[in-house]
Amino acid sequence: MIKKISLLFFLFTAFFANAQEPLMADGLRSEGKFYVVVSVIAIIFACLAFYLFRLDMKVKKLEEELKNKK
């Protein structure tokens, strides 16, 4: 099963690696929208990382409170 999945993964990777022209990337770059897309993705990633960090801190605090009650 793992061999089949890895074979499919490598076939799809090889297929997409042989693309001749990234038309969408050229279009976005020529219109200046490429940097907007990258900025939005970076902001989303930063917000997600911040949220996960805060969630981890809250979970640690709750775990410590549970340990202290016992």
C-alpha atoms as a PDB file:
ATOM      1  CA  MET A   1       0.000   0.000   0.000  1.00  0.00           C
ATOM      2  CA  ILE A   2       2.796   2.415   0.918  1.00  0.00           C
ATOM      3  CA  LYS A   3       4.593   1.605  -2.329  1.00  0.00           C
ATOM      4  CA  LYS A   4       1.500   2.446  -4.364  1.00  0.00           C
ATOM      5  CA  ILE A   5       1.005   5.741  -2.573  1.00  0.00           C
ATOM      6  CA  SER A   6       4.651   6.717  -2.964  1.00  0.00           C
ATOM      7  CA  LEU A   7       4.562   5.748  -6.645  1.00  0.00           C
ATOM      8  CA  LEU A   8       1.498   7.944  -7.220  1.00  0.00           C
ATOM      9  CA  PHE A   9       3.151  10.783  -5.325  1.00  0.00           C
ATOM     10  CA  PHE A  10       6.284  10.610  -7.467  1.00  0.00           C
ATOM     11  CA  LEU A  11       4.263  10.350 -10.682  1.00  0.00           C
ATOM     12  CA  PHE A  12       2.228  13.446  -9.812  1.00  0.00           C
ATOM     13  CA  THR A  13       5.382  15.270  -8.757  1.00  0.00           C
ATOM     14  CA  ALA A  14       7.106  14.400 -12.017  1.00  0.00           C
ATOM     15  CA  PHE A  15       4.019  15.473 -13.968  1.00  0.00           C
ATOM     16  CA  PHE A  16       3.837  18.889 -12.329  1.00  0.00           C
ATOM     17  CA  ALA A  17       7.606  19.375 -12.472  1.00  0.00           C
ATOM     18  CA  ASN A  18       7.501  19.134 -16.272  1.00  0.00           C
ATOM     19  CA  ALA A  19       5.108  22.058 -16.668  1.00  0.00           C
ATOM     20  CA  GLN A  20       6.444  24.289 -19.421  1.00  0.00           C
ATOM     21  CA  GLU A  21       5.130  27.719 -18.463  1.00  0.00           C
ATOM     22  CA  PRO A  22       3.558  28.786 -15.186  1.00  0.00           C
ATOM     23  CA  LEU A  23       1.015  31.074 -16.807  1.00  0.00           C
ATOM     24  CA  MET A  24      -0.749  32.089 -13.616  1.00  0.00           C
ATOM     25  CA  ALA A  25       2.508  33.038 -11.863  1.00  0.00           C
ATOM     26  CA  ASP A  26       3.637  35.118 -14.829  1.00  0.00           C
ATOM     27  CA  GLY A  27       0.279  36.860 -14.975  1.00  0.00           C
ATOM     28  CA  LEU A  28       0.245  37.607 -11.254  1.00  0.00           C
ATOM     29  CA  ARG A  29       3.841  38.821 -11.308  1.00  0.00           C
ATOM     30  CA  SER A  30       3.312  41.077 -14.309  1.00  0.00           C
ATOM     31  CA  GLU A  31       0.272  42.722 -12.708  1.00  0.00           C
ATOM     32  CA  GLY A  32       1.943  43.088  -9.313  1.00  0.00           C
ATOM     33  CA  LYS A  33      -0.575  40.835  -7.585  1.00  0.00           C
ATOM     34  CA  PHE A  34       2.021  38.182  -6.800  1.00  0.00           C
ATOM     35  CA  TYR A  35       3.290  40.126  -3.796  1.00  0.00           C
ATOM     36  CA  VAL A  36      -0.271  40.631  -2.568  1.00  0.00           C
ATOM     37  CA  VAL A  37      -0.848  36.872  -2.626  1.00  0.00           C
ATOM     38  CA  VAL A  38       2.429  36.212  -0.825  1.00  0.00           C
ATOM     39  CA  SER A  39       1.610  38.882   1.762  1.00  0.00           C
ATOM     40  CA  VAL A  40      -1.835  37.460   2.454  1.00  0.00           C
ATOM     41  CA  ILE A  41      -0.423  33.952   2.859  1.00  0.00           C
ATOM     42  CA  ALA A  42       2.274  35.279   5.210  1.00  0.00           C
ATOM     43  CA  ILE A  43      -0.314  37.113   7.313  1.00  0.00           C
ATOM     44  CA  ILE A  44      -2.514  34.024   7.541  1.00  0.00           C
ATOM     45  CA  PHE A  45       0.483  31.900   8.552  1.00  0.00           C
ATOM     46  CA  ALA A  46       1.575  34.419  11.189  1.00  0.00           C
ATOM     47  CA  CYS A  47      -1.924  34.614  12.675  1.00  0.00           C
ATOM     48  CA  LEU A  48      -2.208  30.839  12.749  1.00  0.00           C
ATOM     49  CA  ALA A  49       1.198  30.502  14.441  1.00  0.00           C
ATOM     50  CA  PHE A  50       0.223  33.140  17.027  1.00  0.00           C
ATOM     51  CA  TYR A  51      -3.099  31.388  17.704  1.00  0.00           C
ATOM     52  CA  LEU A  52      -1.393  28.015  18.172  1.00  0.00           C
ATOM     53  CA  PHE A  53       1.209  29.555  20.481  1.00  0.00           C
ATOM     54  CA  ARG A  54      -1.498  31.134  22.639  1.00  0.00           C
ATOM     55  CA  LEU A  55      -3.488  27.906  22.684  1.00  0.00           C
ATOM     56  CA  ASP A  56      -0.413  25.981  23.796  1.00  0.00           C
ATOM     57  CA  MET A  57       0.205  28.445  26.622  1.00  0.00           C
ATOM     58  CA  LYS A  58      -3.396  28.101  27.822  1.00  0.00           C
ATOM     59  CA  VAL A  59      -3.225  24.305  27.722  1.00  0.00           C
ATOM     60  CA  LYS A  60       0.020  24.325  29.713  1.00  0.00           C
ATOM     61  CA  LYS A  61      -1.575  26.601  32.293  1.00  0.00           C
ATOM     62  CA  LEU A  62      -4.587  24.293  32.644  1.00  0.00           C
ATOM     63  CA  GLU A  63      -2.332  21.236  32.946  1.00  0.00           C
ATOM     64  CA  GLU A  64      -0.366  22.913  35.747  1.00  0.00           C
ATOM     65  CA  GLU A  65      -3.597  23.806  37.568  1.00  0.00           C
ATOM     66  CA  LEU A  66      -4.748  20.192  37.349  1.00  0.00           C
ATOM     67  CA  LYS A  67      -1.420  18.950  38.718  1.00  0.00           C
ATOM     68  CA  ASN A  68      -1.581  21.377  41.626  1.00  0.00           C
ATOM     69  CA  LYS A  69      -5.127  20.291  42.582  1.00  0.00           C
ATOM     70  CA  LYS A  70      -4.097  16.658  43.000  1.00  0.00           C
END
